[in-house]
Amino acid sequence: MLIFLSGIMNWFKNLKATLVGFGALGIFGIALMDAAFIPMPGGPDVVVITLSVAAPAMMPLYVLAAMAGSTLGSLILYFIARKGGQAALRKFSAEKRAKVQKALDEYDIWALLVAAVMPPPFPFKIFVLSAGAFRVQLWRFVLAMVLGRGFRFVLEGWLAVRYGEQATEILKQNGVKIGLGVAAAIIVIFLVKLLLGRRQEDAELEVQNESVS
């Protein structure tokens, strides 16, 4: 069994190495497969950094390709779960399913946005599958994927252009901290938006009461 798994991993490594040679198109394929099927070793993140270091002028194209591939791959999982319902979540524990469902019920697109930004080993796929199983609106799901994945790959591309080969090490050492920082910023924005919305509702209610009296 271990030999079989090792063979599979080597096959994926060789496939990834082949795809890297196709530049932006290869990044698209790697990001799509990483998001939709079995995660590729290192995922698209390392490839975005490596190719952006080699060709800084091409960085925006590499970022766009990674974002598009990851979003499309996530959409494949979304529709699989949408058709299969909660059966698509059976490999996850009941506790994890309940936590993710609660996060989606309470925060919707904001929870997906945080999940899309966070680096591995954050359990991203359970959020994607849950979004499909619990029928989160398609446009809200796509928006969260585009913004979250887009920010993540833009950050990696910028680090590659700015720091060169050191970018990978910077992400290894600080990736989780950066992800948590971005997640905290998203939560703050959500809370501010929620507070402003409530204040507006209170103001409108006060105007209605004054008009009635």
N, C-alpha and C. Protein backbone atom coordinates (compact mmCIF):
# COMPACT_ATOMS: atom_id res chain seq x y z
N MET A 1 0.83 -1.21 0.00
CA MET A 1 0.00 0.00 0.00
C MET A 1 0.86 1.26 0.00
N LEU A 2 1.94 1.26 0.83
CA LEU A 2 2.83 2.41 0.90
C LEU A 2 3.54 2.63 -0.43
N ILE A 3 3.92 1.51 -1.07
CA ILE A 3 4.58 1.60 -2.37
C ILE A 3 3.63 2.21 -3.41
N PHE A 4 2.36 1.81 -3.34
CA PHE A 4 1.35 2.34 -4.26
C PHE A 4 1.17 3.84 -4.06
N LEU A 5 1.04 4.26 -2.80
CA LEU A 5 0.87 5.68 -2.50
C LEU A 5 2.09 6.49 -2.92
N SER A 6 3.27 5.93 -2.68
CA SER A 6 4.49 6.60 -3.09
C SER A 6 4.54 6.76 -4.61
N GLY A 7 4.07 5.73 -5.31
CA GLY A 7 4.04 5.81 -6.78
C GLY A 7 3.09 6.89 -7.26
N ILE A 8 1.93 6.99 -6.60
CA ILE A 8 0.96 8.02 -6.96
C ILE A 8 1.54 9.41 -6.74
N MET A 9 2.21 9.61 -5.59
CA MET A 9 2.79 10.92 -5.28
C MET A 9 3.88 11.27 -6.28
N ASN A 10 4.67 10.30 -6.66
CA ASN A 10 5.72 10.56 -7.65
C ASN A 10 5.11 10.92 -9.01
N TRP A 11 4.01 10.26 -9.34
CA TRP A 11 3.33 10.56 -10.60
C TRP A 11 2.83 12.00 -10.61
N PHE A 12 2.25 12.43 -9.48
CA PHE A 12 1.76 13.81 -9.39
C PHE A 12 2.92 14.81 -9.44
N LYS A 13 4.04 14.47 -8.80
CA LYS A 13 5.20 15.35 -8.85
C LYS A 13 5.70 15.50 -10.29
N ASN A 14 5.75 14.39 -11.01
CA ASN A 14 6.20 14.43 -12.41
C ASN A 14 5.22 15.22 -13.27
N LEU A 15 3.92 15.03 -13.00
CA LEU A 15 2.91 15.77 -13.75
C LEU A 15 3.04 17.27 -13.49
N LYS A 16 3.25 17.60 -12.23
CA LYS A 16 3.40 19.01 -11.88
C LYS A 16 4.63 19.61 -12.57
N ALA A 17 5.73 18.87 -12.55
CA ALA A 17 6.95 19.35 -13.19
C ALA A 17 6.73 19.57 -14.68
N THR A 18 5.95 18.70 -15.30
CA THR A 18 5.64 18.84 -16.73
C THR A 18 4.80 20.08 -16.98
N LEU A 19 3.79 20.28 -16.14
CA LEU A 19 2.89 21.41 -16.31
C LEU A 19 3.59 22.74 -16.10
N VAL A 20 4.54 22.77 -15.17
CA VAL A 20 5.28 24.01 -14.91
C VAL A 20 5.94 24.53 -16.19
N GLY A 21 6.35 23.63 -17.05
CA GLY A 21 6.98 24.02 -18.29
C GLY A 21 6.06 24.77 -19.24
N PHE A 22 4.75 24.72 -19.00
CA PHE A 22 3.79 25.41 -19.85
C PHE A 22 3.45 26.81 -19.33
N GLY A 23 4.17 27.27 -18.32
CA GLY A 23 3.98 28.63 -17.83
C GLY A 23 2.61 28.87 -17.22
N ALA A 24 1.95 29.93 -17.67
CA ALA A 24 0.64 30.31 -17.11
C ALA A 24 -0.40 29.21 -17.30
N LEU A 25 -0.38 28.56 -18.47
CA LEU A 25 -1.32 27.48 -18.73
C LEU A 25 -1.08 26.32 -17.76
N GLY A 26 0.18 26.04 -17.48
CA GLY A 26 0.51 24.99 -16.52
C GLY A 26 0.05 25.33 -15.12
N ILE A 27 0.23 26.59 -14.73
CA ILE A 27 -0.24 27.03 -13.41
C ILE A 27 -1.75 26.86 -13.31
N PHE A 28 -2.45 27.20 -14.38
CA PHE A 28 -3.91 27.04 -14.40
C PHE A 28 -4.29 25.58 -14.14
N GLY A 29 -3.61 24.66 -14.84
CA GLY A 29 -3.91 23.24 -14.66
C GLY A 29 -3.58 22.74 -13.27
N ILE A 30 -2.45 23.17 -12.74
CA ILE A 30 -2.05 22.76 -11.39
C ILE A 30 -3.04 23.27 -10.36
N ALA A 31 -3.44 24.55 -10.47
CA ALA A 31 -4.38 25.14 -9.52
C ALA A 31 -5.74 24.46 -9.59
N LEU A 32 -6.17 24.14 -10.82
CA LEU A 32 -7.47 23.48 -10.99
C LEU A 32 -7.46 22.10 -10.33
N MET A 33 -6.45 21.30 -10.63
CA MET A 33 -6.39 19.94 -10.06
C MET A 33 -6.21 19.98 -8.55
N ASP A 34 -5.41 20.93 -8.07
CA ASP A 34 -5.17 21.04 -6.63
C ASP A 34 -6.46 21.38 -5.89
N ALA A 35 -7.30 22.22 -6.48
CA ALA A 35 -8.55 22.63 -5.84
C ALA A 35 -9.65 21.59 -5.98
N ALA A 36 -9.69 20.92 -7.14
CA ALA A 36 -10.82 20.05 -7.43
C ALA A 36 -10.60 18.59 -7.05
N PHE A 37 -9.36 18.13 -7.14
CA PHE A 37 -9.12 16.70 -6.95
C PHE A 37 -8.09 16.48 -5.85
N ILE A 38 -7.08 15.66 -6.11
CA ILE A 38 -6.05 15.39 -5.12
C ILE A 38 -5.07 16.56 -5.09
N PRO A 39 -4.77 17.11 -3.91
CA PRO A 39 -3.84 18.24 -3.83
C PRO A 39 -2.49 17.91 -4.45
N MET A 40 -1.99 18.81 -5.28
CA MET A 40 -0.68 18.65 -5.90
C MET A 40 0.40 18.99 -4.88
N PRO A 41 1.53 18.29 -4.88
CA PRO A 41 2.61 18.59 -3.94
C PRO A 41 3.05 20.05 -4.07
N GLY A 42 2.91 20.80 -2.99
CA GLY A 42 3.27 22.21 -3.03
C GLY A 42 2.19 23.10 -3.60
N GLY A 43 1.21 22.51 -4.30
CA GLY A 43 0.12 23.29 -4.87
C GLY A 43 0.60 24.33 -5.87
N PRO A 44 -0.29 25.24 -6.25
CA PRO A 44 0.09 26.29 -7.20
C PRO A 44 0.93 27.39 -6.56
N ASP A 45 0.94 27.47 -5.24
CA ASP A 45 1.61 28.56 -4.55
C ASP A 45 3.11 28.61 -4.88
N VAL A 46 3.77 27.47 -4.72
CA VAL A 46 5.21 27.41 -4.99
C VAL A 46 5.49 27.71 -6.46
N VAL A 47 4.62 27.25 -7.34
CA VAL A 47 4.82 27.47 -8.78
C VAL A 47 4.69 28.95 -9.12
N VAL A 48 3.69 29.61 -8.53
CA VAL A 48 3.52 31.05 -8.76
C VAL A 48 4.78 31.80 -8.35
N ILE A 49 5.31 31.45 -7.19
CA ILE A 49 6.52 32.11 -6.70
C ILE A 49 7.71 31.82 -7.60
N THR A 50 7.91 30.54 -7.93
CA THR A 50 9.06 30.13 -8.74
C THR A 50 9.07 30.81 -10.10
N LEU A 51 7.95 30.78 -10.79
CA LEU A 51 7.90 31.38 -12.13
C LEU A 51 7.94 32.90 -12.07
N SER A 52 7.37 33.49 -11.01
CA SER A 52 7.41 34.95 -10.87
C SER A 52 8.82 35.43 -10.58
N VAL A 53 9.59 34.63 -9.86
CA VAL A 53 11.00 34.97 -9.62
C VAL A 53 11.77 34.92 -10.93
N ALA A 54 11.48 33.92 -11.75
CA ALA A 54 12.19 33.76 -13.03
C ALA A 54 11.79 34.81 -14.05
N ALA A 55 10.52 35.23 -14.03
CA ALA A 55 10.03 36.21 -15.01
C ALA A 55 9.09 37.19 -14.31
N PRO A 56 9.63 38.18 -13.61
CA PRO A 56 8.79 39.12 -12.84
C PRO A 56 7.74 39.83 -13.67
N ALA A 57 8.04 40.13 -14.92
CA ALA A 57 7.08 40.84 -15.76
C ALA A 57 5.83 40.00 -16.04
N MET A 58 5.96 38.67 -15.93
CA MET A 58 4.84 37.77 -16.18
C MET A 58 4.03 37.48 -14.93
N MET A 59 4.45 38.04 -13.81
CA MET A 59 3.78 37.73 -12.54
C MET A 59 2.25 37.94 -12.58
N PRO A 60 1.74 39.08 -13.08
CA PRO A 60 0.27 39.25 -13.12
C PRO A 60 -0.45 38.14 -13.87
N LEU A 61 0.15 37.68 -14.96
CA LEU A 61 -0.48 36.59 -15.73
C LEU A 61 -0.47 35.29 -14.94
N TYR A 62 0.63 35.01 -14.25
CA TYR A 62 0.71 33.80 -13.43
C TYR A 62 -0.32 33.84 -12.31
N VAL A 63 -0.46 35.00 -11.69
CA VAL A 63 -1.44 35.16 -10.61
C VAL A 63 -2.86 34.95 -11.13
N LEU A 64 -3.15 35.56 -12.28
CA LEU A 64 -4.49 35.42 -12.88
C LEU A 64 -4.78 33.97 -13.22
N ALA A 65 -3.78 33.27 -13.77
CA ALA A 65 -3.97 31.86 -14.13
C ALA A 65 -4.22 31.01 -12.89
N ALA A 66 -3.47 31.26 -11.83
CA ALA A 66 -3.66 30.49 -10.59
C ALA A 66 -5.04 30.76 -9.98
N MET A 67 -5.45 32.02 -9.98
CA MET A 67 -6.75 32.39 -9.44
C MET A 67 -7.88 31.74 -10.24
N ALA A 68 -7.77 31.79 -11.58
CA ALA A 68 -8.81 31.21 -12.42
C ALA A 68 -8.88 29.69 -12.25
N GLY A 69 -7.72 29.04 -12.23
CA GLY A 69 -7.69 27.59 -12.07
C GLY A 69 -8.24 27.15 -10.72
N SER A 70 -7.85 27.85 -9.66
CA SER A 70 -8.30 27.49 -8.33
C SER A 70 -9.80 27.73 -8.17
N THR A 71 -10.29 28.82 -8.75
CA THR A 71 -11.73 29.11 -8.68
C THR A 71 -12.53 28.07 -9.45
N LEU A 72 -12.07 27.72 -10.65
CA LEU A 72 -12.78 26.72 -11.45
C LEU A 72 -12.74 25.36 -10.76
N GLY A 73 -11.59 24.99 -10.20
CA GLY A 73 -11.50 23.73 -9.48
C GLY A 73 -12.43 23.69 -8.29
N SER A 74 -12.52 24.80 -7.58
CA SER A 74 -13.43 24.88 -6.43
C SER A 74 -14.88 24.77 -6.88
N LEU A 75 -15.17 25.34 -8.05
CA LEU A 75 -16.54 25.25 -8.58
C LEU A 75 -16.92 23.81 -8.89
N ILE A 76 -15.96 23.02 -9.38
CA ILE A 76 -16.23 21.61 -9.64
C ILE A 76 -16.65 20.91 -8.36
N LEU A 77 -15.89 21.13 -7.29
CA LEU A 77 -16.26 20.54 -6.00
C LEU A 77 -17.60 21.06 -5.51
N TYR A 78 -17.84 22.35 -5.69
CA TYR A 78 -19.09 22.98 -5.27
C TYR A 78 -20.29 22.29 -5.92
N PHE A 79 -20.22 22.07 -7.23
CA PHE A 79 -21.35 21.46 -7.95
C PHE A 79 -21.48 19.97 -7.61
N ILE A 80 -20.37 19.29 -7.36
CA ILE A 80 -20.44 17.89 -6.93
C ILE A 80 -21.19 17.80 -5.60
N ALA A 81 -20.83 18.68 -4.67
CA ALA A 81 -21.49 18.67 -3.36
C ALA A 81 -22.93 19.15 -3.46
N ARG A 82 -23.19 20.09 -4.34
CA ARG A 82 -24.55 20.60 -4.52
C ARG A 82 -25.48 19.49 -5.00
N LYS A 83 -24.94 18.62 -5.87
CA LYS A 83 -25.74 17.50 -6.37
C LYS A 83 -25.83 16.38 -5.35
N GLY A 84 -24.73 16.11 -4.65
CA GLY A 84 -24.71 15.00 -3.71
C GLY A 84 -25.24 15.32 -2.33
N GLY A 85 -25.38 16.62 -2.03
CA GLY A 85 -25.88 17.00 -0.71
C GLY A 85 -24.86 16.68 0.38
N GLN A 86 -25.36 16.44 1.57
CA GLN A 86 -24.48 16.22 2.72
C GLN A 86 -23.70 14.90 2.62
N ALA A 87 -24.08 14.05 1.69
CA ALA A 87 -23.31 12.81 1.48
C ALA A 87 -21.88 13.13 1.04
N ALA A 88 -21.69 14.31 0.42
CA ALA A 88 -20.36 14.71 -0.03
C ALA A 88 -19.44 15.04 1.14
N LEU A 89 -20.02 15.18 2.33
CA LEU A 89 -19.24 15.55 3.51
C LEU A 89 -18.99 14.37 4.45
N ARG A 90 -19.33 13.17 4.00
CA ARG A 90 -19.31 12.02 4.90
C ARG A 90 -17.91 11.67 5.42
N LYS A 91 -16.85 12.06 4.69
CA LYS A 91 -15.50 11.72 5.16
C LYS A 91 -15.03 12.63 6.30
N PHE A 92 -15.79 13.72 6.54
CA PHE A 92 -15.45 14.63 7.64
C PHE A 92 -16.27 14.27 8.87
N SER A 93 -15.71 14.52 10.04
CA SER A 93 -16.40 14.19 11.28
C SER A 93 -17.64 15.07 11.44
N ALA A 94 -18.59 14.58 12.23
CA ALA A 94 -19.82 15.34 12.48
C ALA A 94 -19.51 16.68 13.14
N GLU A 95 -18.50 16.68 13.99
CA GLU A 95 -18.12 17.92 14.68
C GLU A 95 -17.62 18.97 13.70
N LYS A 96 -16.76 18.56 12.76
CA LYS A 96 -16.24 19.49 11.77
C LYS A 96 -17.35 20.00 10.87
N ARG A 97 -18.25 19.10 10.46
CA ARG A 97 -19.35 19.51 9.59
C ARG A 97 -20.23 20.54 10.29
N ALA A 98 -20.50 20.32 11.57
CA ALA A 98 -21.35 21.23 12.33
C ALA A 98 -20.70 22.61 12.47
N LYS A 99 -19.39 22.63 12.72
CA LYS A 99 -18.68 23.91 12.88
C LYS A 99 -18.69 24.71 11.58
N VAL A 100 -18.43 24.03 10.47
CA VAL A 100 -18.40 24.72 9.18
C VAL A 100 -19.80 25.20 8.80
N GLN A 101 -20.80 24.37 9.04
CA GLN A 101 -22.17 24.77 8.73
C GLN A 101 -22.57 26.00 9.54
N LYS A 102 -22.19 26.03 10.80
CA LYS A 102 -22.50 27.18 11.65
C LYS A 102 -21.80 28.43 11.13
N ALA A 103 -20.53 28.28 10.72
CA ALA A 103 -19.78 29.42 10.18
C ALA A 103 -20.45 29.96 8.91
N LEU A 104 -20.90 29.06 8.04
CA LEU A 104 -21.55 29.49 6.80
C LEU A 104 -22.91 30.11 7.08
N ASP A 105 -23.65 29.55 8.04
CA ASP A 105 -24.97 30.10 8.38
C ASP A 105 -24.85 31.51 8.94
N GLU A 106 -23.82 31.72 9.77
CA GLU A 106 -23.69 33.00 10.46
C GLU A 106 -22.95 34.05 9.63
N TYR A 107 -21.92 33.61 8.87
CA TYR A 107 -21.06 34.58 8.20
C TYR A 107 -21.06 34.48 6.68
N ASP A 108 -21.58 33.39 6.14
CA ASP A 108 -21.79 33.25 4.71
C ASP A 108 -20.51 33.53 3.92
N ILE A 109 -20.53 34.53 3.05
CA ILE A 109 -19.41 34.81 2.16
C ILE A 109 -18.14 35.16 2.92
N TRP A 110 -18.28 35.72 4.11
CA TRP A 110 -17.11 36.11 4.89
C TRP A 110 -16.33 34.89 5.36
N ALA A 111 -17.04 33.83 5.74
CA ALA A 111 -16.37 32.59 6.16
C ALA A 111 -15.63 31.97 4.98
N LEU A 112 -16.25 31.99 3.80
CA LEU A 112 -15.61 31.45 2.60
C LEU A 112 -14.39 32.28 2.21
N LEU A 113 -14.48 33.58 2.39
CA LEU A 113 -13.37 34.47 2.05
C LEU A 113 -12.15 34.17 2.93
N VAL A 114 -12.40 33.98 4.21
CA VAL A 114 -11.30 33.65 5.12
C VAL A 114 -10.69 32.30 4.74
N ALA A 115 -11.54 31.31 4.45
CA ALA A 115 -11.06 29.98 4.08
C ALA A 115 -10.22 30.03 2.80
N ALA A 116 -10.61 30.88 1.85
CA ALA A 116 -9.90 30.97 0.58
C ALA A 116 -8.53 31.63 0.73
N VAL A 117 -8.39 32.49 1.73
CA VAL A 117 -7.13 33.19 1.94
C VAL A 117 -6.12 32.34 2.71
N MET A 118 -6.60 31.55 3.66
CA MET A 118 -5.71 30.83 4.56
C MET A 118 -4.86 29.80 3.82
N PRO A 119 -3.58 29.70 4.19
CA PRO A 119 -2.69 28.71 3.56
C PRO A 119 -2.87 27.33 4.19
N PRO A 120 -2.35 26.27 3.54
CA PRO A 120 -2.36 24.94 4.17
C PRO A 120 -1.63 25.00 5.50
N PRO A 121 -2.03 24.19 6.48
CA PRO A 121 -2.97 23.07 6.39
C PRO A 121 -4.42 23.42 6.74
N PHE A 122 -4.85 24.66 6.52
CA PHE A 122 -6.24 25.03 6.80
C PHE A 122 -7.16 24.14 5.96
N PRO A 123 -8.23 23.60 6.56
CA PRO A 123 -9.13 22.67 5.85
C PRO A 123 -10.05 23.39 4.86
N PHE A 124 -9.48 23.81 3.75
CA PHE A 124 -10.21 24.61 2.77
C PHE A 124 -11.34 23.83 2.09
N LYS A 125 -11.07 22.57 1.73
CA LYS A 125 -12.03 21.82 0.92
C LYS A 125 -13.35 21.57 1.63
N ILE A 126 -13.34 21.44 2.95
CA ILE A 126 -14.61 21.21 3.64
C ILE A 126 -15.51 22.44 3.53
N PHE A 127 -14.92 23.62 3.44
CA PHE A 127 -15.72 24.83 3.25
C PHE A 127 -16.32 24.86 1.85
N VAL A 128 -15.53 24.45 0.86
CA VAL A 128 -16.02 24.41 -0.52
C VAL A 128 -17.15 23.40 -0.66
N LEU A 129 -16.94 22.20 -0.14
CA LEU A 129 -17.97 21.16 -0.22
C LEU A 129 -19.22 21.55 0.56
N SER A 130 -19.03 22.15 1.72
CA SER A 130 -20.16 22.57 2.54
C SER A 130 -20.97 23.67 1.83
N ALA A 131 -20.26 24.57 1.15
CA ALA A 131 -20.95 25.63 0.41
C ALA A 131 -21.87 25.03 -0.65
N GLY A 132 -21.42 23.96 -1.30
CA GLY A 132 -22.27 23.29 -2.28
C GLY A 132 -23.39 22.50 -1.63
N ALA A 133 -23.04 21.74 -0.60
CA ALA A 133 -24.04 20.89 0.07
C ALA A 133 -25.15 21.71 0.70
N PHE A 134 -24.81 22.88 1.26
CA PHE A 134 -25.80 23.72 1.92
C PHE A 134 -26.31 24.83 1.01
N ARG A 135 -25.94 24.73 -0.28
CA ARG A 135 -26.48 25.60 -1.33
C ARG A 135 -26.28 27.09 -1.06
N VAL A 136 -25.03 27.45 -0.74
CA VAL A 136 -24.68 28.87 -0.72
C VAL A 136 -24.86 29.42 -2.13
N GLN A 137 -25.39 30.63 -2.25
CA GLN A 137 -25.64 31.21 -3.57
C GLN A 137 -24.37 31.17 -4.42
N LEU A 138 -24.53 30.78 -5.68
CA LEU A 138 -23.39 30.58 -6.56
C LEU A 138 -22.54 31.85 -6.71
N TRP A 139 -23.18 32.99 -6.93
CA TRP A 139 -22.42 34.21 -7.17
C TRP A 139 -21.63 34.62 -5.93
N ARG A 140 -22.18 34.32 -4.74
CA ARG A 140 -21.47 34.65 -3.51
C ARG A 140 -20.26 33.73 -3.32
N PHE A 141 -20.44 32.48 -3.70
CA PHE A 141 -19.33 31.52 -3.62
C PHE A 141 -18.21 31.93 -4.57
N VAL A 142 -18.56 32.24 -5.82
CA VAL A 142 -17.55 32.62 -6.81
C VAL A 142 -16.82 33.89 -6.37
N LEU A 143 -17.57 34.85 -5.86
CA LEU A 143 -16.96 36.11 -5.41
C LEU A 143 -15.94 35.86 -4.31
N ALA A 144 -16.30 35.00 -3.35
CA ALA A 144 -15.39 34.69 -2.24
C ALA A 144 -14.13 34.00 -2.76
N MET A 145 -14.28 33.09 -3.71
CA MET A 145 -13.12 32.39 -4.25
C MET A 145 -12.21 33.34 -5.03
N VAL A 146 -12.80 34.18 -5.86
CA VAL A 146 -12.00 35.10 -6.67
C VAL A 146 -11.25 36.08 -5.78
N LEU A 147 -11.93 36.66 -4.80
CA LEU A 147 -11.28 37.64 -3.93
C LEU A 147 -10.25 36.97 -3.02
N GLY A 148 -10.64 35.86 -2.38
CA GLY A 148 -9.74 35.20 -1.44
C GLY A 148 -8.52 34.61 -2.12
N ARG A 149 -8.73 33.81 -3.15
CA ARG A 149 -7.61 33.20 -3.87
C ARG A 149 -6.80 34.27 -4.59
N GLY A 150 -7.50 35.28 -5.13
CA GLY A 150 -6.80 36.35 -5.82
C GLY A 150 -5.84 37.08 -4.89
N PHE A 151 -6.30 37.41 -3.70
CA PHE A 151 -5.43 38.10 -2.74
C PHE A 151 -4.23 37.23 -2.38
N ARG A 152 -4.50 35.95 -2.15
CA ARG A 152 -3.42 35.04 -1.76
C ARG A 152 -2.34 34.95 -2.83
N PHE A 153 -2.74 34.78 -4.10
CA PHE A 153 -1.76 34.64 -5.17
C PHE A 153 -1.08 35.97 -5.50
N VAL A 154 -1.81 37.08 -5.38
CA VAL A 154 -1.19 38.39 -5.58
C VAL A 154 -0.09 38.62 -4.54
N LEU A 155 -0.38 38.25 -3.29
CA LEU A 155 0.62 38.40 -2.23
C LEU A 155 1.86 37.56 -2.53
N GLU A 156 1.64 36.33 -2.97
CA GLU A 156 2.78 35.45 -3.29
C GLU A 156 3.58 35.99 -4.47
N GLY A 157 2.88 36.49 -5.49
CA GLY A 157 3.56 37.05 -6.64
C GLY A 157 4.37 38.29 -6.27
N TRP A 158 3.78 39.13 -5.44
CA TRP A 158 4.48 40.35 -5.01
C TRP A 158 5.73 40.00 -4.20
N LEU A 159 5.61 39.02 -3.30
CA LEU A 159 6.76 38.60 -2.52
C LEU A 159 7.87 38.05 -3.43
N ALA A 160 7.47 37.32 -4.47
CA ALA A 160 8.45 36.75 -5.39
C ALA A 160 9.21 37.84 -6.13
N VAL A 161 8.48 38.85 -6.60
CA VAL A 161 9.11 39.96 -7.33
C VAL A 161 9.97 40.80 -6.38
N ARG A 162 9.49 40.97 -5.17
CA ARG A 162 10.18 41.85 -4.21
C ARG A 162 11.39 41.19 -3.58
N TYR A 163 11.27 39.91 -3.22
CA TYR A 163 12.33 39.26 -2.46
C TYR A 163 13.03 38.12 -3.21
N GLY A 164 12.59 37.82 -4.41
CA GLY A 164 13.23 36.78 -5.18
C GLY A 164 13.07 35.40 -4.56
N GLU A 165 14.13 34.62 -4.57
CA GLU A 165 14.08 33.24 -4.09
C GLU A 165 13.81 33.15 -2.59
N GLN A 166 13.98 34.24 -1.86
CA GLN A 166 13.71 34.24 -0.43
C GLN A 166 12.21 34.21 -0.13
N ALA A 167 11.37 34.49 -1.14
CA ALA A 167 9.93 34.57 -0.94
C ALA A 167 9.36 33.26 -0.39
N THR A 168 9.84 32.14 -0.91
CA THR A 168 9.33 30.84 -0.45
C THR A 168 9.61 30.66 1.04
N GLU A 169 10.82 31.00 1.47
CA GLU A 169 11.17 30.86 2.88
C GLU A 169 10.37 31.82 3.75
N ILE A 170 10.12 33.02 3.24
CA ILE A 170 9.31 33.99 3.98
C ILE A 170 7.91 33.45 4.21
N LEU A 171 7.34 32.85 3.18
CA LEU A 171 6.00 32.28 3.30
C LEU A 171 5.98 31.08 4.25
N LYS A 172 7.01 30.25 4.19
CA LYS A 172 7.07 29.10 5.08
C LYS A 172 7.08 29.55 6.54
N GLN A 173 7.83 30.60 6.82
CA GLN A 173 7.99 31.07 8.19
C GLN A 173 6.82 31.92 8.67
N ASN A 174 6.19 32.63 7.73
CA ASN A 174 5.17 33.61 8.14
C ASN A 174 3.82 33.42 7.47
N GLY A 175 3.68 32.35 6.66
CA GLY A 175 2.43 32.15 5.92
C GLY A 175 1.20 32.11 6.80
N VAL A 176 1.28 31.35 7.89
CA VAL A 176 0.13 31.23 8.80
C VAL A 176 -0.16 32.57 9.46
N LYS A 177 0.89 33.28 9.89
CA LYS A 177 0.71 34.59 10.52
C LYS A 177 0.06 35.58 9.55
N ILE A 178 0.54 35.56 8.31
CA ILE A 178 -0.04 36.45 7.30
C ILE A 178 -1.51 36.11 7.07
N GLY A 179 -1.79 34.80 6.94
CA GLY A 179 -3.16 34.37 6.73
C GLY A 179 -4.07 34.78 7.88
N LEU A 180 -3.58 34.61 9.10
CA LEU A 180 -4.37 35.01 10.27
C LEU A 180 -4.58 36.51 10.31
N GLY A 181 -3.55 37.27 9.91
CA GLY A 181 -3.68 38.72 9.87
C GLY A 181 -4.74 39.16 8.88
N VAL A 182 -4.73 38.54 7.70
CA VAL A 182 -5.74 38.85 6.69
C VAL A 182 -7.13 38.44 7.17
N ALA A 183 -7.20 37.26 7.79
CA ALA A 183 -8.49 36.78 8.32
C ALA A 183 -9.02 37.76 9.36
N ALA A 184 -8.13 38.26 10.23
CA ALA A 184 -8.54 39.22 11.26
C ALA A 184 -9.06 40.50 10.61
N ALA A 185 -8.37 40.95 9.55
CA ALA A 185 -8.82 42.16 8.85
C ALA A 185 -10.20 41.96 8.23
N ILE A 186 -10.42 40.77 7.65
CA ILE A 186 -11.73 40.47 7.06
C ILE A 186 -12.82 40.47 8.13
N ILE A 187 -12.51 39.90 9.29
CA ILE A 187 -13.48 39.87 10.39
C ILE A 187 -13.81 41.28 10.86
N VAL A 188 -12.78 42.13 10.96
CA VAL A 188 -13.00 43.52 11.38
C VAL A 188 -13.90 44.24 10.38
N ILE A 189 -13.62 44.04 9.08
CA ILE A 189 -14.45 44.66 8.05
C ILE A 189 -15.89 44.18 8.17
N PHE A 190 -16.06 42.88 8.42
CA PHE A 190 -17.40 42.32 8.58
C PHE A 190 -18.12 42.96 9.77
N LEU A 191 -17.42 43.08 10.88
CA LEU A 191 -18.03 43.65 12.08
C LEU A 191 -18.40 45.12 11.88
N VAL A 192 -17.51 45.86 11.22
CA VAL A 192 -17.81 47.27 10.94
C VAL A 192 -19.03 47.38 10.04
N LYS A 193 -19.08 46.54 9.01
CA LYS A 193 -20.22 46.54 8.10
C LYS A 193 -21.50 46.19 8.84
N LEU A 194 -21.41 45.21 9.73
CA LEU A 194 -22.58 44.81 10.51
C LEU A 194 -23.03 45.94 11.42
N LEU A 195 -22.09 46.62 12.06
CA LEU A 195 -22.41 47.73 12.97
C LEU A 195 -23.05 48.88 12.22
N LEU A 196 -22.48 49.23 11.06
CA LEU A 196 -23.05 50.31 10.26
C LEU A 196 -24.44 49.97 9.77
N GLY A 197 -24.63 48.69 9.41
CA GLY A 197 -25.95 48.26 8.96
C GLY A 197 -26.99 48.37 10.06
N ARG A 198 -26.61 47.99 11.27
CA ARG A 198 -27.54 48.08 12.39
C ARG A 198 -27.85 49.53 12.74
N ARG A 199 -26.85 50.40 12.66
CA ARG A 199 -27.08 51.82 12.94
C ARG A 199 -28.03 52.42 11.91
N GLN A 200 -27.86 52.02 10.66
CA GLN A 200 -28.75 52.52 9.62
C GLN A 200 -30.18 52.03 9.85
N GLU A 201 -30.31 50.77 10.24
CA GLU A 201 -31.64 50.24 10.53
C GLU A 201 -32.29 50.97 11.70
N ASP A 202 -31.48 51.23 12.74
CA ASP A 202 -32.00 51.96 13.90
C ASP A 202 -32.44 53.37 13.51
N ALA A 203 -31.63 54.03 12.64
CA ALA A 203 -31.97 55.38 12.21
C ALA A 203 -33.26 55.39 11.40
N GLU A 204 -33.41 54.41 10.51
CA GLU A 204 -34.62 54.32 9.70
C GLU A 204 -35.84 54.04 10.58
N LEU A 205 -35.65 53.17 11.59
CA LEU A 205 -36.75 52.86 12.50
C LEU A 205 -37.15 54.09 13.30
N GLU A 206 -36.16 54.89 13.71
CA GLU A 206 -36.42 56.10 14.48
C GLU A 206 -37.20 57.10 13.64
N VAL A 207 -36.82 57.24 12.36
CA VAL A 207 -37.53 58.15 11.45
C VAL A 207 -38.97 57.69 11.27
N GLN A 208 -39.16 56.37 11.13
CA GLN A 208 -40.53 55.85 10.98
C GLN A 208 -41.38 56.13 12.21
N ASN A 209 -40.80 55.96 13.38
CA ASN A 209 -41.53 56.22 14.63
C ASN A 209 -41.91 57.69 14.76
N GLU A 210 -40.98 58.57 14.34
CA GLU A 210 -41.26 60.01 14.42
C GLU A 210 -42.37 60.39 13.46
N SER A 211 -42.37 59.78 12.28
CA SER A 211 -43.40 60.10 11.29
C SER A 211 -44.77 59.62 11.74
N VAL A 212 -44.79 58.48 12.45
CA VAL A 212 -46.06 57.93 12.94
C VAL A 212 -46.62 58.81 14.07
N SER A 213 -45.72 59.25 14.95
CA SER A 213 -46.15 60.07 16.09
C SER A 213 -46.46 61.50 15.65
